[in-house]
Amino acid sequence: MLNLELNAKMIITDSGGVQREAYYSHVPSLILRNESEWVELIREGYATLVGVSTNVIKKGFDNVMLSNIKFEDGLYGNGYAAKNIVDQIDFIWG
């Protein structure tokens, strides 16, 4: 599944987990739901909420394919949380 996501031009999903995987894969996504728990993906333009209407899905698809979405890492941190926590524990408990 991850290999497919990494090589996709767009991901169309109703899965909350796949929405996040799409972001990490730097692939735009269409969300076939009326709401998403990952509102920051929509706000930043990495995902588009289209619901289940065929016309809205088609329009969203066309818009994403015509857009040039630039993905930036860091929306969910820099990947060093565990190291930073261990460093702090080591500093405190020495």
C-alpha atoms as a PDB file:
ATOM      1  CA  MET A   1       0.000   0.000   0.000  1.00  0.00           C
ATOM      2  CA  LEU A   2       2.769   2.443   0.885  1.00  0.00           C
ATOM      3  CA  ASN A   3       4.553   1.701  -2.384  1.00  0.00           C
ATOM      4  CA  LEU A   4       1.362   2.533  -4.281  1.00  0.00           C
ATOM      5  CA  GLU A   5       0.945   5.756  -2.296  1.00  0.00           C
ATOM      6  CA  LEU A   6       4.552   6.816  -2.837  1.00  0.00           C
ATOM      7  CA  ASN A   7       4.171   6.411  -6.602  1.00  0.00           C
ATOM      8  CA  ALA A   8       0.697   7.922  -6.978  1.00  0.00           C
ATOM      9  CA  LYS A   9      -0.128  11.278  -8.546  1.00  0.00           C
ATOM     10  CA  MET A  10      -3.215  11.604  -6.325  1.00  0.00           C
ATOM     11  CA  ILE A  11      -4.888   9.526  -3.642  1.00  0.00           C
ATOM     12  CA  ILE A  12      -8.672   9.309  -3.393  1.00  0.00           C
ATOM     13  CA  THR A  13      -9.767   7.987  -0.020  1.00  0.00           C
ATOM     14  CA  ASP A  14     -12.316   7.966   2.768  1.00  0.00           C
ATOM     15  CA  SER A  15      -9.720   6.713   5.271  1.00  0.00           C
ATOM     16  CA  GLY A  16      -8.360   9.051   7.910  1.00  0.00           C
ATOM     17  CA  GLY A  17      -5.086   7.132   8.082  1.00  0.00           C
ATOM     18  CA  VAL A  18      -4.550   7.240   4.334  1.00  0.00           C
ATOM     19  CA  GLN A  19      -5.034  11.022   4.378  1.00  0.00           C
ATOM     20  CA  ARG A  20      -1.987  11.316   6.639  1.00  0.00           C
ATOM     21  CA  GLU A  21      -0.030   8.742   4.630  1.00  0.00           C
ATOM     22  CA  ALA A  22      -0.714  10.792   1.495  1.00  0.00           C
ATOM     23  CA  TYR A  23       0.776  13.868   3.176  1.00  0.00           C
ATOM     24  CA  TYR A  24       3.872  11.951   4.286  1.00  0.00           C
ATOM     25  CA  SER A  25       4.171  10.563   0.736  1.00  0.00           C
ATOM     26  CA  HIS A  26       3.911  14.102  -0.704  1.00  0.00           C
ATOM     27  CA  VAL A  27       0.839  13.117  -2.712  1.00  0.00           C
ATOM     28  CA  PRO A  28      -2.307  15.275  -2.798  1.00  0.00           C
ATOM     29  CA  SER A  29      -5.521  13.597  -1.731  1.00  0.00           C
ATOM     30  CA  LEU A  30      -9.238  13.855  -2.333  1.00  0.00           C
ATOM     31  CA  ILE A  31     -11.257  12.963   0.735  1.00  0.00           C
ATOM     32  CA  LEU A  32     -14.550  11.239  -0.008  1.00  0.00           C
ATOM     33  CA  ARG A  33     -16.167  12.375   3.225  1.00  0.00           C
ATOM     34  CA  ASN A  34     -18.055  15.418   4.478  1.00  0.00           C
ATOM     35  CA  GLU A  35     -15.526  16.091   7.233  1.00  0.00           C
ATOM     36  CA  SER A  36     -12.009  15.128   8.208  1.00  0.00           C
ATOM     37  CA  GLU A  37     -10.224  14.892  11.517  1.00  0.00           C
ATOM     38  CA  TRP A  38      -7.111  16.225   9.750  1.00  0.00           C
ATOM     39  CA  VAL A  39      -8.357  19.745   9.051  1.00  0.00           C
ATOM     40  CA  GLU A  40      -4.787  21.040   8.820  1.00  0.00           C
ATOM     41  CA  LEU A  41      -4.249  18.977   5.656  1.00  0.00           C
ATOM     42  CA  ILE A  42      -7.226  20.705   4.062  1.00  0.00           C
ATOM     43  CA  ARG A  43      -6.294  24.135   5.413  1.00  0.00           C
ATOM     44  CA  GLU A  44      -2.752  23.845   4.000  1.00  0.00           C
ATOM     45  CA  GLY A  45      -4.021  22.576   0.620  1.00  0.00           C
ATOM     46  CA  TYR A  46      -2.560  19.062   0.775  1.00  0.00           C
ATOM     47  CA  ALA A  47      -6.020  17.463   0.789  1.00  0.00           C
ATOM     48  CA  THR A  48      -9.379  18.432  -0.655  1.00  0.00           C
ATOM     49  CA  LEU A  49     -12.663  17.520   0.990  1.00  0.00           C
ATOM     50  CA  VAL A  50     -15.111  16.527  -1.758  1.00  0.00           C
ATOM     51  CA  GLY A  51     -17.825  14.470  -0.066  1.00  0.00           C
ATOM     52  CA  VAL A  52     -19.594  11.859  -2.185  1.00  0.00           C
ATOM     53  CA  SER A  53     -21.162  13.902  -4.984  1.00  0.00           C
ATOM     54  CA  THR A  54     -19.913  12.706  -8.372  1.00  0.00           C
ATOM     55  CA  ASN A  55     -19.776  16.248  -9.779  1.00  0.00           C
ATOM     56  CA  VAL A  56     -17.828  17.599  -6.800  1.00  0.00           C
ATOM     57  CA  ILE A  57     -15.414  14.646  -6.933  1.00  0.00           C
ATOM     58  CA  LYS A  58     -14.780  15.248 -10.659  1.00  0.00           C
ATOM     59  CA  LYS A  59     -14.228  18.975 -10.058  1.00  0.00           C
ATOM     60  CA  GLY A  60     -11.881  18.268  -7.145  1.00  0.00           C
ATOM     61  CA  PHE A  61      -9.972  15.739  -9.245  1.00  0.00           C
ATOM     62  CA  ASP A  62      -9.518  18.228 -12.080  1.00  0.00           C
ATOM     63  CA  ASN A  63      -8.466  20.999  -9.691  1.00  0.00           C
ATOM     64  CA  VAL A  64      -5.839  18.833  -8.003  1.00  0.00           C
ATOM     65  CA  MET A  65      -4.463  17.529 -11.304  1.00  0.00           C
ATOM     66  CA  LEU A  66      -4.117  21.096 -12.609  1.00  0.00           C
ATOM     67  CA  SER A  67      -2.553  22.441  -9.424  1.00  0.00           C
ATOM     68  CA  ASN A  68       1.079  22.442  -8.445  1.00  0.00           C
ATOM     69  CA  ILE A  69       0.925  21.579  -4.763  1.00  0.00           C
ATOM     70  CA  LYS A  70       4.251  22.063  -2.981  1.00  0.00           C
ATOM     71  CA  PHE A  71       4.629  19.815   0.042  1.00  0.00           C
ATOM     72  CA  GLU A  72       6.616  21.056   3.002  1.00  0.00           C
ATOM     73  CA  ASP A  73       7.708  18.771   5.794  1.00  0.00           C
ATOM     74  CA  GLY A  74       7.079  19.770   9.359  1.00  0.00           C
ATOM     75  CA  LEU A  75       3.303  19.999   9.559  1.00  0.00           C
ATOM     76  CA  TYR A  76       3.466  17.314  12.260  1.00  0.00           C
ATOM     77  CA  GLY A  77       6.895  18.094  13.682  1.00  0.00           C
ATOM     78  CA  ASN A  78      10.418  17.430  12.524  1.00  0.00           C
ATOM     79  CA  GLY A  79      10.722  13.723  13.381  1.00  0.00           C
ATOM     80  CA  TYR A  80      13.009  14.258  16.357  1.00  0.00           C
ATOM     81  CA  ALA A  81      10.486  14.175  19.216  1.00  0.00           C
ATOM     82  CA  ALA A  82      11.764  10.916  20.737  1.00  0.00           C
ATOM     83  CA  LYS A  83      15.391  12.058  20.599  1.00  0.00           C
ATOM     84  CA  ASN A  84      14.507  15.397  22.171  1.00  0.00           C
ATOM     85  CA  ILE A  85      12.617  13.686  24.988  1.00  0.00           C
ATOM     86  CA  VAL A  86      15.518  11.322  25.700  1.00  0.00           C
ATOM     87  CA  ASP A  87      17.952  14.257  25.638  1.00  0.00           C
ATOM     88  CA  GLN A  88      15.816  16.117  28.182  1.00  0.00           C
ATOM     89  CA  ILE A  89      15.524  13.070  30.446  1.00  0.00           C
ATOM     90  CA  ASP A  90      19.274  12.535  30.211  1.00  0.00           C
ATOM     91  CA  PHE A  91      19.875  16.216  31.041  1.00  0.00           C
ATOM     92  CA  ILE A  92      17.540  16.139  34.058  1.00  0.00           C
ATOM     93  CA  TRP A  93      18.578  12.746  35.423  1.00  0.00           C
ATOM     94  CA  GLY A  94      22.141  12.968  34.128  1.00  0.00           C
END
